[in-house]
Amino acid sequence: MDFEIVNGDVASCETECLVVGIEADGQLSPSAQALDTAAQGYISDIVGGGDIQGKTAETLLLQKVPGVSARRVLLVGLGASDERNDRNYRKIVKSAMGAIKGVRTESAVFSLDGLGSNDDDQYRQLRHLIEWAGAELYIYDETKSKKADPLALNKLAILLSEDDTELGEYALLDGVALINGISTARDLGNLPGNICTPTYLAEQAIALAAEHEALETTILDEDEMRQLGMHSLLSVGNGSDQPSKLIVMHYKGGSEEDKNHVLVGKGITFDTGGISLKPGASMDEMKFDMCGAASVFGAMTALCEMNLELNVVGIVAAAENMPSGRATKPGDIVTTMSGQTVEILNTDAEGRLVLCDALTYAERFEPETVVDVATLTGACIVALGHQATGLLSNDDTLANDLLEAGNQAADKAWRLPLWDEYQEQLDSNFADIANIGGPPAGTITAACFLSRFTKSYRWAHLDIAGVAWNSKGKEKGATGRCVPLLTQHLMNLAAED
């Protein structure tokens, strides 16, 4: 797919499909008005007839509009000005892309005059247009015998004035990098557990480093992790025939003096719950339990394509959680890389067991910040539903930076408390810490567990259990969240330096 910025008179724009906006109550946007003038009132007559009223995401496709060079004109409803937020803007883009794909056009040009959203930041509007349009082009057919028909659409453009072209080019390049990062995360998340194993993830990290000179990848096998004392991480994979891996991707885009920022992803490539076996219903979705790792892969992909001047380490703790005669049992006690002991009361609370050793390993990079990403707790879905990522942190500045990045990227997070009072729920009679704290405040106590391993640096935890995938219908599959949040955070850090 080619994305580009084009200039010129909207009525003379040569494309197979030109997308312009209609505001609430049938008011023509500037681009629609220009087309109407060229067409001698043709569009206003149609709008006046009530075929389209300008409601949010409403569409009407016109063929061969007189006086207009475009073969088709797609009218898309922008809604009332007070309705133009990120949520409705995405609906507008989604609806327009659905109409474009429905007619199998090879090219399309958007000319929305900056009216898709009430956001004054034109860069942000344009980047979201590219990013969200790209999301509608995503197809997963890797494991199907019959591949999807190739999309007819091969060129997508935005019409801008010459004065806005340079800004538009920046937005386009960043948007395309985000599309590629999000698609990487979705591809990894959608693959089944018999293909996307810890070894497969390691191979993908090696392949990513081969594509980008600034990226170096190191893979630690089980023997190397055992020598480092990562018995907590290793305990999760005890019951599996698939060997666990610690994947380290080091992006060196900054100077040698610049500190590292670390992303840590939970990479449980399939989670049966282990001996604490999950119910059978919907267990197929536990292939998505590595979506934290997928988010790190996606952010590292976007980071490399943007060539950000920043040093970033992506760490993925990859394991498969299976029941067998070798599997870790409830009541077992393991020693973490930090030396702390953990009583495993529930083997289905395994994500924190792999993350704690990865978080300890992160210390060797003397990080400025560490952010871990995980589909960690069902309790996060109870608390926040499927809209927001759960955020907990030991540093207010880092937490606020991530919240702001989420708002900028339209990939929202919500902060939960990390008070010492919750730590008591993790008390154990037999070890330094238990791996669960009971039903109350499950997302918070999971983060409390991780906080025991992050005292030497500024750290934040992102629980994406509610947002990492969709469960129903044609939308079922990985979403690619929270690649936009993470990438925006890295972009903001690079801009500060």
Protein backbone atom coordinates (compact mmCIF):
# COMPACT_ATOMS: atom_id res chain seq x y z
CA MET A 1 0.00 0.00 0.00
CA ASP A 2 1.28 3.43 -0.97
CA PHE A 3 0.39 6.38 1.25
CA GLU A 4 1.06 9.90 0.09
CA ILE A 5 0.23 13.59 0.44
CA VAL A 6 -1.19 15.31 -2.65
CA ASN A 7 -1.89 18.97 -3.45
CA GLY A 8 -4.12 20.84 -5.85
CA ASP A 9 -7.72 21.78 -6.50
CA VAL A 10 -10.12 19.25 -5.02
CA ALA A 11 -12.40 19.27 -8.06
CA SER A 12 -9.41 18.48 -10.32
CA CYS A 13 -8.07 15.69 -8.11
CA GLU A 14 -7.68 12.57 -10.23
CA THR A 15 -8.53 9.49 -8.21
CA GLU A 16 -10.99 6.64 -8.31
CA CYS A 17 -12.60 7.75 -5.06
CA LEU A 18 -12.53 11.19 -3.45
CA VAL A 19 -13.72 11.37 0.18
CA VAL A 20 -15.22 14.66 1.42
CA GLY A 21 -17.21 15.55 4.50
CA ILE A 22 -20.79 16.57 5.11
CA GLU A 23 -21.40 18.25 8.45
CA ALA A 24 -24.51 17.92 10.58
CA ASP A 25 -27.82 19.02 9.05
CA GLY A 26 -26.40 18.62 5.54
CA GLN A 27 -23.92 21.49 5.74
CA LEU A 28 -21.21 21.11 3.11
CA SER A 29 -17.57 21.10 4.20
CA PRO A 30 -15.22 23.41 2.23
CA SER A 31 -14.14 20.53 -0.03
CA ALA A 32 -17.71 19.43 -0.60
CA GLN A 33 -18.68 23.02 -1.34
CA ALA A 34 -15.86 23.29 -3.91
CA LEU A 35 -17.10 20.12 -5.60
CA ASP A 36 -20.66 21.42 -5.53
CA THR A 37 -19.57 24.63 -7.23
CA ALA A 38 -17.75 22.68 -9.94
CA ALA A 39 -20.80 20.43 -10.33
CA GLN A 40 -23.21 23.40 -10.49
CA GLY A 41 -25.19 22.44 -7.39
CA TYR A 42 -25.29 18.70 -8.03
CA ILE A 43 -24.11 17.75 -4.53
CA SER A 44 -26.24 20.28 -2.66
CA ASP A 45 -29.29 19.01 -4.54
CA ILE A 46 -28.57 15.44 -3.39
CA VAL A 47 -27.89 16.49 0.20
CA GLY A 48 -30.97 18.70 0.19
CA GLY A 49 -33.03 15.71 -0.89
CA GLY A 50 -32.14 13.97 2.37
CA ASP A 51 -30.04 11.13 0.97
CA ILE A 52 -27.37 12.02 3.52
CA GLN A 53 -27.85 14.22 6.58
CA GLY A 54 -24.28 14.50 7.84
CA LYS A 55 -24.68 12.19 10.81
CA THR A 56 -21.43 10.78 12.17
CA ALA A 57 -20.00 8.07 9.87
CA GLU A 58 -22.97 8.16 7.46
CA THR A 59 -21.85 7.59 3.85
CA LEU A 60 -23.18 8.10 0.36
CA LEU A 61 -21.26 7.11 -2.77
CA LEU A 62 -21.75 9.20 -5.92
CA GLN A 63 -20.63 8.13 -9.39
CA LYS A 64 -19.34 10.45 -12.11
CA VAL A 65 -20.17 13.76 -10.49
CA PRO A 66 -20.28 16.39 -13.29
CA GLY A 67 -17.36 18.82 -13.38
CA VAL A 68 -15.30 16.67 -10.99
CA SER A 69 -12.23 14.69 -12.10
CA ALA A 70 -12.60 11.93 -9.51
CA ARG A 71 -14.44 8.88 -10.79
CA ARG A 72 -16.39 8.57 -7.54
CA VAL A 73 -17.12 10.95 -4.69
CA LEU A 74 -17.76 9.48 -1.25
CA LEU A 75 -19.70 11.77 1.05
CA VAL A 76 -19.07 10.95 4.70
CA GLY A 77 -20.98 12.37 7.65
CA LEU A 78 -18.87 14.35 10.13
CA GLY A 79 -21.62 14.95 12.68
CA ALA A 80 -22.09 18.06 14.79
CA SER A 81 -18.99 19.99 15.82
CA ASP A 82 -19.41 19.07 19.50
CA GLU A 83 -19.45 15.36 18.56
CA ARG A 84 -16.07 15.36 16.82
CA ASN A 85 -13.86 13.47 19.23
CA ASP A 86 -11.35 10.67 18.74
CA ARG A 87 -14.01 7.98 19.11
CA ASN A 88 -16.26 9.40 16.41
CA TYR A 89 -13.33 10.31 14.17
CA ARG A 90 -12.31 6.68 14.14
CA LYS A 91 -15.89 5.72 13.27
CA ILE A 92 -15.76 8.15 10.35
CA VAL A 93 -12.51 6.66 9.04
CA LYS A 94 -13.77 3.11 9.53
CA SER A 95 -17.02 3.82 7.70
CA ALA A 96 -15.25 5.55 4.82
CA MET A 97 -12.77 2.71 4.44
CA GLY A 98 -15.60 0.18 4.44
CA ALA A 99 -17.27 2.02 1.57
CA ILE A 100 -13.97 2.33 -0.32
CA LYS A 101 -13.21 -1.37 0.00
CA GLY A 102 -16.78 -2.23 -0.99
CA VAL A 103 -16.35 -0.81 -4.51
CA ARG A 104 -12.88 -2.31 -5.04
CA THR A 105 -11.33 0.96 -6.05
CA GLU A 106 -7.57 1.08 -6.61
CA SER A 107 -7.00 4.60 -5.27
CA ALA A 108 -8.65 6.98 -2.85
CA VAL A 109 -8.01 10.50 -1.62
CA PHE A 110 -9.28 11.96 1.66
CA SER A 111 -10.10 15.67 1.77
CA LEU A 112 -11.72 16.23 5.16
CA ASP A 113 -10.48 19.81 5.69
CA GLY A 114 -9.36 19.05 9.24
CA LEU A 115 -13.00 18.62 10.29
CA GLY A 116 -12.91 14.93 11.19
CA SER A 117 -12.08 15.82 14.78
CA ASN A 118 -12.24 18.89 16.99
CA ASP A 119 -8.53 18.45 17.69
CA ASP A 120 -6.51 21.57 16.82
CA ASP A 121 -3.36 19.46 16.35
CA GLN A 122 -3.36 18.83 12.60
CA TYR A 123 -0.39 16.46 12.81
CA ARG A 124 -2.35 14.29 15.23
CA GLN A 125 -5.47 14.34 13.04
CA LEU A 126 -3.52 13.36 9.95
CA ARG A 127 -1.55 10.63 11.71
CA HIS A 128 -4.73 9.11 13.10
CA LEU A 129 -6.30 9.17 9.65
CA ILE A 130 -3.37 7.18 8.26
CA GLU A 131 -3.17 4.86 11.26
CA TRP A 132 -6.88 4.08 11.42
CA ALA A 133 -7.28 3.74 7.67
CA GLY A 134 -4.37 1.31 7.71
CA ALA A 135 -6.02 -0.70 10.47
CA GLU A 136 -9.04 -1.25 8.22
CA LEU A 137 -6.76 -2.75 5.56
CA TYR A 138 -5.41 -5.42 7.92
CA ILE A 139 -6.11 -9.00 6.87
CA TYR A 140 -5.08 -12.17 8.69
CA ASP A 141 -4.91 -15.25 6.48
CA GLU A 142 -1.57 -16.74 7.52
CA THR A 143 -3.10 -20.03 8.64
CA LYS A 144 -5.84 -20.33 6.00
CA SER A 145 -5.48 -22.64 3.02
CA LYS A 146 -7.25 -20.14 0.80
CA LYS A 147 -5.71 -16.71 1.04
CA ALA A 148 -7.86 -13.62 1.07
CA ASP A 149 -8.41 -11.89 -2.23
CA PRO A 150 -5.84 -9.12 -2.58
CA LEU A 151 -7.18 -5.66 -1.87
CA ALA A 152 -7.83 -3.65 -4.99
CA LEU A 153 -6.85 -0.50 -3.11
CA ASN A 154 -3.13 0.17 -3.56
CA LYS A 155 -2.90 3.94 -3.11
CA LEU A 156 -4.31 6.07 -0.31
CA ALA A 157 -3.68 9.82 -0.23
CA ILE A 158 -4.58 12.92 1.77
CA LEU A 159 -5.23 16.19 -0.05
CA LEU A 160 -3.55 19.13 1.69
CA SER A 161 -2.53 22.66 0.83
CA GLU A 162 1.12 23.15 -0.08
CA ASP A 163 1.66 25.01 3.21
CA ASP A 164 0.58 21.93 5.16
CA THR A 165 2.47 19.39 3.08
CA GLU A 166 5.61 19.17 5.21
CA LEU A 167 3.59 18.56 8.38
CA GLY A 168 1.51 16.05 6.49
CA GLU A 169 4.60 14.14 5.38
CA TYR A 170 5.78 13.81 9.00
CA ALA A 171 2.35 12.58 10.05
CA LEU A 172 2.24 10.14 7.14
CA LEU A 173 5.66 8.61 7.87
CA ASP A 174 4.90 8.23 11.57
CA GLY A 175 1.45 6.85 10.77
CA VAL A 176 2.85 4.22 8.42
CA ALA A 177 5.43 3.19 11.03
CA LEU A 178 2.60 2.79 13.53
CA ILE A 179 0.56 0.76 11.05
CA ASN A 180 3.50 -1.60 10.61
CA GLY A 181 4.08 -1.85 14.36
CA ILE A 182 0.41 -2.50 15.09
CA SER A 183 0.19 -5.06 12.29
CA THR A 184 3.26 -6.85 13.67
CA ALA A 185 1.59 -7.08 17.08
CA ARG A 186 -1.69 -8.29 15.56
CA ASP A 187 0.03 -10.91 13.42
CA LEU A 188 1.91 -12.34 16.41
CA GLY A 189 -1.17 -12.29 18.59
CA ASN A 190 -3.36 -13.99 15.99
CA LEU A 191 -0.99 -16.85 15.30
CA PRO A 192 -1.90 -20.10 17.11
CA GLY A 193 0.17 -21.43 19.96
CA ASN A 194 1.46 -24.37 17.95
CA ILE A 195 3.19 -21.90 15.60
CA CYS A 196 3.90 -18.90 17.80
CA THR A 197 6.05 -20.62 20.42
CA PRO A 198 8.79 -19.01 22.53
CA THR A 199 11.29 -20.20 19.92
CA TYR A 200 9.23 -18.60 17.14
CA LEU A 201 9.20 -15.28 19.00
CA ALA A 202 12.97 -15.51 19.38
CA GLU A 203 13.30 -16.08 15.63
CA GLN A 204 11.16 -13.03 14.92
CA ALA A 205 13.37 -10.89 17.14
CA ILE A 206 16.47 -12.09 15.30
CA ALA A 207 14.80 -11.35 11.96
CA LEU A 208 13.84 -7.84 13.11
CA ALA A 209 17.43 -7.11 14.08
CA ALA A 210 18.59 -8.31 10.66
CA GLU A 211 16.38 -5.63 9.06
CA HIS A 212 17.57 -2.73 11.20
CA GLU A 213 21.20 -1.81 11.80
CA ALA A 214 20.45 0.00 15.06
CA LEU A 215 18.89 -3.10 16.65
CA GLU A 216 20.76 -5.97 18.30
CA THR A 217 19.04 -9.13 19.51
CA THR A 218 20.25 -11.57 22.16
CA ILE A 219 18.41 -14.77 23.10
CA LEU A 220 18.92 -16.44 26.48
CA ASP A 221 18.07 -20.14 26.60
CA GLU A 222 16.99 -22.12 29.64
CA ASP A 223 20.52 -23.07 30.70
CA GLU A 224 21.61 -19.42 30.60
CA MET A 225 18.54 -18.35 32.56
CA ARG A 226 19.16 -21.10 35.11
CA GLN A 227 22.71 -19.85 35.62
CA LEU A 228 21.31 -16.37 36.28
CA GLY A 229 18.88 -17.75 38.87
CA MET A 230 15.68 -17.13 36.89
CA HIS A 231 13.89 -20.02 38.56
CA SER A 232 10.59 -18.16 38.71
CA LEU A 233 10.45 -17.64 34.93
CA LEU A 234 11.62 -21.19 34.30
CA SER A 235 8.99 -22.63 36.65
CA VAL A 236 6.23 -21.50 34.29
CA GLY A 237 7.54 -23.54 31.38
CA ASN A 238 8.32 -26.65 33.43
CA GLY A 239 5.26 -28.50 32.16
CA SER A 240 5.82 -27.70 28.50
CA ASP A 241 7.88 -29.36 25.80
CA GLN A 242 8.53 -25.88 24.38
CA PRO A 243 11.69 -24.34 25.86
CA SER A 244 11.33 -20.93 27.48
CA LYS A 245 13.29 -17.97 26.11
CA LEU A 246 14.35 -14.55 27.33
CA ILE A 247 14.45 -12.29 24.28
CA VAL A 248 16.44 -9.06 24.45
CA MET A 249 16.22 -6.48 21.65
CA HIS A 250 18.53 -3.47 22.12
CA TYR A 251 17.85 -0.44 19.94
CA LYS A 252 20.76 2.01 19.97
CA GLY A 253 19.43 5.16 18.36
CA GLY A 254 20.81 7.59 20.93
CA SER A 255 24.33 8.42 22.00
CA GLU A 256 26.37 6.11 24.21
CA GLU A 257 25.86 8.53 27.12
CA ASP A 258 22.06 8.35 26.87
CA LYS A 259 20.35 6.08 29.36
CA ASN A 260 18.20 3.16 28.27
CA HIS A 261 14.43 3.00 28.41
CA VAL A 262 13.23 -0.57 28.83
CA LEU A 263 10.02 -2.24 27.65
CA VAL A 264 9.22 -5.65 29.13
CA GLY A 265 6.55 -7.89 27.59
CA LYS A 266 4.77 -10.94 28.96
CA GLY A 267 5.14 -13.64 26.32
CA ILE A 268 3.04 -16.60 27.47
CA THR A 269 2.49 -18.12 24.05
CA PHE A 270 -0.28 -20.34 25.39
CA ASP A 271 -1.76 -20.39 28.86
CA THR A 272 -3.71 -23.43 30.00
CA GLY A 273 -3.40 -22.23 33.58
CA GLY A 274 -1.05 -25.12 34.26
CA ILE A 275 -2.11 -27.38 37.13
CA SER A 276 -4.62 -24.66 38.11
CA LEU A 277 -6.32 -25.48 34.83
CA LYS A 278 -8.59 -22.91 33.20
CA PRO A 279 -12.16 -23.77 32.14
CA GLY A 280 -12.36 -25.14 28.61
CA ALA A 281 -14.69 -22.45 27.29
CA SER A 282 -12.77 -19.76 25.41
CA MET A 283 -9.43 -21.33 26.27
CA ASP A 284 -8.52 -20.94 22.60
CA GLU A 285 -8.16 -17.22 23.35
CA MET A 286 -5.22 -17.96 25.62
CA LYS A 287 -3.03 -17.80 22.53
CA PHE A 288 -3.47 -14.05 23.09
CA ASP A 289 -1.67 -14.26 26.44
CA MET A 290 1.50 -13.14 24.69
CA CYS A 291 0.00 -9.87 23.49
CA GLY A 292 2.16 -7.94 25.95
CA ALA A 293 5.18 -9.37 24.16
CA ALA A 294 3.49 -8.61 20.83
CA SER A 295 3.07 -4.98 21.91
CA VAL A 296 6.79 -4.77 22.65
CA PHE A 297 7.58 -6.25 19.23
CA GLY A 298 5.22 -3.76 17.63
CA ALA A 299 6.69 -0.79 19.46
CA MET A 300 10.23 -1.88 18.60
CA THR A 301 9.19 -2.21 14.93
CA ALA A 302 7.72 1.30 14.87
CA LEU A 303 10.72 2.66 16.79
CA CYS A 304 13.15 1.23 14.24
CA GLU A 305 11.16 2.60 11.29
CA MET A 306 10.95 6.06 12.87
CA ASN A 307 14.71 6.06 13.60
CA LEU A 308 14.11 7.73 16.95
CA GLU A 309 17.19 9.13 18.68
CA LEU A 310 16.76 7.05 21.80
CA ASN A 311 18.20 3.95 23.42
CA VAL A 312 15.51 1.34 24.07
CA VAL A 313 15.70 -2.24 25.29
CA GLY A 314 12.81 -4.58 24.56
CA ILE A 315 12.73 -7.65 26.80
CA VAL A 316 10.29 -10.49 26.21
CA ALA A 317 9.84 -13.25 28.78
CA ALA A 318 8.52 -16.12 26.67
CA ALA A 319 7.16 -19.40 28.00
CA GLU A 320 4.29 -21.84 27.50
CA ASN A 321 2.18 -22.74 30.56
CA MET A 322 1.11 -26.39 30.35
CA PRO A 323 0.08 -29.13 32.80
CA SER A 324 2.22 -32.27 32.96
CA GLY A 325 4.13 -34.43 35.39
CA ARG A 326 6.90 -31.83 35.32
CA ALA A 327 4.63 -28.84 35.83
CA THR A 328 4.91 -26.51 38.78
CA LYS A 329 2.28 -27.30 41.46
CA PRO A 330 0.28 -25.04 43.76
CA GLY A 331 2.25 -24.78 46.98
CA ASP A 332 5.64 -25.01 45.26
CA ILE A 333 8.20 -22.39 46.22
CA VAL A 334 10.66 -20.93 43.71
CA THR A 335 13.58 -18.54 44.04
CA THR A 336 13.58 -15.54 41.75
CA MET A 337 16.62 -13.96 40.11
CA SER A 338 16.45 -11.26 42.79
CA GLY A 339 16.83 -13.89 45.51
CA GLN A 340 13.29 -13.43 46.82
CA THR A 341 11.25 -16.60 47.24
CA VAL A 342 7.70 -17.01 45.93
CA GLU A 343 5.01 -19.41 47.08
CA ILE A 344 2.98 -20.34 44.01
CA LEU A 345 -0.59 -20.62 45.23
CA ASN A 346 -2.08 -20.58 41.73
CA THR A 347 -0.20 -21.64 38.62
CA ASP A 348 -2.59 -19.57 36.49
CA ALA A 349 -1.02 -16.43 37.96
CA GLU A 350 2.02 -17.17 35.84
CA GLY A 351 2.55 -13.86 34.03
CA ARG A 352 3.97 -12.19 37.12
CA LEU A 353 6.31 -15.14 37.57
CA VAL A 354 7.98 -14.60 34.21
CA LEU A 355 7.88 -10.82 34.47
CA CYS A 356 9.55 -10.59 37.86
CA ASP A 357 12.75 -12.21 36.60
CA ALA A 358 12.68 -10.12 33.42
CA LEU A 359 12.27 -6.98 35.55
CA THR A 360 15.27 -7.99 37.64
CA TYR A 361 17.26 -8.64 34.47
CA ALA A 362 16.38 -5.13 33.28
CA GLU A 363 18.52 -3.67 36.09
CA ARG A 364 21.71 -4.48 34.19
CA PHE A 365 20.82 -1.87 31.59
CA GLU A 366 20.79 0.89 34.25
CA PRO A 367 17.47 2.10 32.89
CA GLU A 368 16.03 5.58 33.05
CA THR A 369 12.55 4.02 32.94
CA VAL A 370 11.03 0.54 32.72
CA VAL A 371 7.52 -0.16 31.44
CA ASP A 372 6.13 -3.69 31.45
CA VAL A 373 3.14 -4.73 29.35
CA ALA A 374 1.02 -7.78 30.07
CA THR A 375 -2.35 -9.43 29.69
CA LEU A 376 -2.05 -9.98 33.41
CA THR A 377 -5.40 -10.07 35.19
CA GLY A 378 -9.04 -10.74 34.43
CA ALA A 379 -9.69 -8.33 37.29
CA CYS A 380 -8.59 -5.50 35.00
CA ILE A 381 -11.49 -6.31 32.69
CA VAL A 382 -13.87 -6.18 35.66
CA ALA A 383 -12.46 -2.80 36.69
CA LEU A 384 -12.04 -1.08 33.31
CA GLY A 385 -13.87 -3.20 30.76
CA HIS A 386 -12.48 -3.34 27.25
CA GLN A 387 -11.79 0.38 26.84
CA ALA A 388 -8.78 1.37 28.93
CA THR A 389 -5.41 -0.15 29.78
CA GLY A 390 -4.77 -0.43 33.50
CA LEU A 391 -1.76 1.61 34.64
CA LEU A 392 0.12 1.32 37.93
CA SER A 393 3.46 2.90 38.74
CA ASN A 394 5.97 3.69 41.46
CA ASP A 395 6.66 7.09 39.87
CA ASP A 396 4.09 9.85 39.37
CA THR A 397 5.98 11.54 36.56
CA LEU A 398 6.30 8.35 34.54
CA ALA A 399 2.65 7.51 35.15
CA ASN A 400 1.53 10.94 33.98
CA ASP A 401 3.77 10.69 30.92
CA LEU A 402 2.15 7.39 29.96
CA LEU A 403 -1.35 8.70 30.57
CA GLU A 404 -0.60 11.69 28.35
CA ALA A 405 0.91 9.45 25.66
CA GLY A 406 -2.23 7.32 25.75
CA ASN A 407 -4.43 10.39 25.29
CA GLN A 408 -2.26 11.65 22.42
CA ALA A 409 -2.34 8.26 20.71
CA ALA A 410 -6.07 7.70 21.39
CA ASP A 411 -4.96 4.51 23.16
CA LYS A 412 -6.13 5.38 26.64
CA ALA A 413 -4.96 4.14 30.02
CA TRP A 414 -6.33 4.70 33.51
CA ARG A 415 -4.25 4.77 36.66
CA LEU A 416 -5.02 2.53 39.63
CA PRO A 417 -3.48 2.92 43.12
CA LEU A 418 -0.38 1.08 44.24
CA TRP A 419 -0.69 1.62 47.97
CA ASP A 420 1.31 -0.28 50.58
CA GLU A 421 -1.94 -1.44 52.20
CA TYR A 422 -2.47 -3.84 49.29
CA GLN A 423 0.94 -5.47 49.76
CA GLU A 424 -0.29 -7.31 52.85
CA GLN A 425 -2.53 -9.48 50.68
CA LEU A 426 0.63 -11.11 49.30
CA ASP A 427 1.93 -12.30 52.67
CA SER A 428 3.00 -15.95 52.81
CA ASN A 429 3.73 -18.20 55.78
CA PHE A 430 6.27 -20.17 53.77
CA ALA A 431 8.02 -17.76 51.39
CA ASP A 432 8.86 -14.08 51.04
CA ILE A 433 5.78 -13.48 48.92
CA ALA A 434 2.75 -15.32 47.55
CA ASN A 435 1.99 -15.08 43.85
CA ILE A 436 -1.67 -14.16 44.39
CA GLY A 437 -3.43 -11.92 46.87
CA GLY A 438 -6.97 -13.25 46.66
CA PRO A 439 -9.97 -11.92 44.71
CA PRO A 440 -10.10 -8.33 46.02
CA ALA A 441 -8.18 -5.78 43.91
CA GLY A 442 -6.58 -8.47 41.76
CA THR A 443 -5.05 -6.05 39.26
CA ILE A 444 -3.52 -3.98 42.04
CA THR A 445 -2.07 -6.92 43.99
CA ALA A 446 -0.57 -8.29 40.77
CA ALA A 447 1.20 -4.97 40.29
CA CYS A 448 2.18 -5.00 43.97
CA PHE A 449 3.89 -8.33 43.31
CA LEU A 450 5.84 -6.84 40.41
CA SER A 451 6.73 -3.74 42.40
CA ARG A 452 8.82 -5.92 44.75
CA PHE A 453 11.25 -6.36 41.84
CA THR A 454 11.39 -2.76 40.58
CA LYS A 455 12.69 -0.77 43.53
CA SER A 456 15.93 0.30 41.84
CA TYR A 457 14.33 2.24 38.97
CA ARG A 458 11.30 4.20 37.78
CA TRP A 459 8.72 1.67 36.69
CA ALA A 460 5.19 1.42 35.34
CA HIS A 461 2.96 -1.56 34.65
CA LEU A 462 0.38 -1.70 31.85
CA ASP A 463 -2.31 -4.36 32.19
CA ILE A 464 -3.82 -4.87 28.72
CA ALA A 465 -6.02 -7.88 29.53
CA GLY A 466 -9.15 -5.99 28.50
CA VAL A 467 -7.87 -4.34 25.34
CA ALA A 468 -5.42 -6.74 23.70
CA TRP A 469 -7.98 -8.68 21.69
CA ASN A 470 -11.60 -8.81 20.61
CA SER A 471 -13.60 -11.95 21.36
CA LYS A 472 -16.64 -11.81 19.10
CA GLY A 473 -17.66 -12.20 15.48
CA LYS A 474 -15.68 -10.90 12.56
CA GLU A 475 -13.78 -8.57 14.90
CA LYS A 476 -12.31 -11.50 16.85
CA GLY A 477 -8.54 -11.21 17.00
CA ALA A 478 -5.65 -9.20 18.34
CA THR A 479 -6.07 -5.41 18.39
CA GLY A 480 -2.44 -4.28 18.48
CA ARG A 481 -2.97 -2.26 21.63
CA CYS A 482 -0.99 -0.79 23.31
CA VAL A 483 1.53 -0.24 20.49
CA PRO A 484 0.25 3.33 19.87
CA LEU A 485 0.61 4.29 23.55
CA LEU A 486 4.10 2.80 23.86
CA THR A 487 5.30 4.32 20.60
CA GLN A 488 3.93 7.75 21.47
CA HIS A 489 5.68 7.52 24.84
CA LEU A 490 8.97 6.76 23.10
CA MET A 491 8.41 9.59 20.61
CA ASN A 492 7.83 12.00 23.49
CA LEU A 493 10.99 10.82 25.24
CA ALA A 494 13.01 11.29 22.05
CA ALA A 495 11.59 14.80 21.63
CA GLU A 496 12.69 15.72 25.16
CA ASP A 497 16.32 14.67 24.63
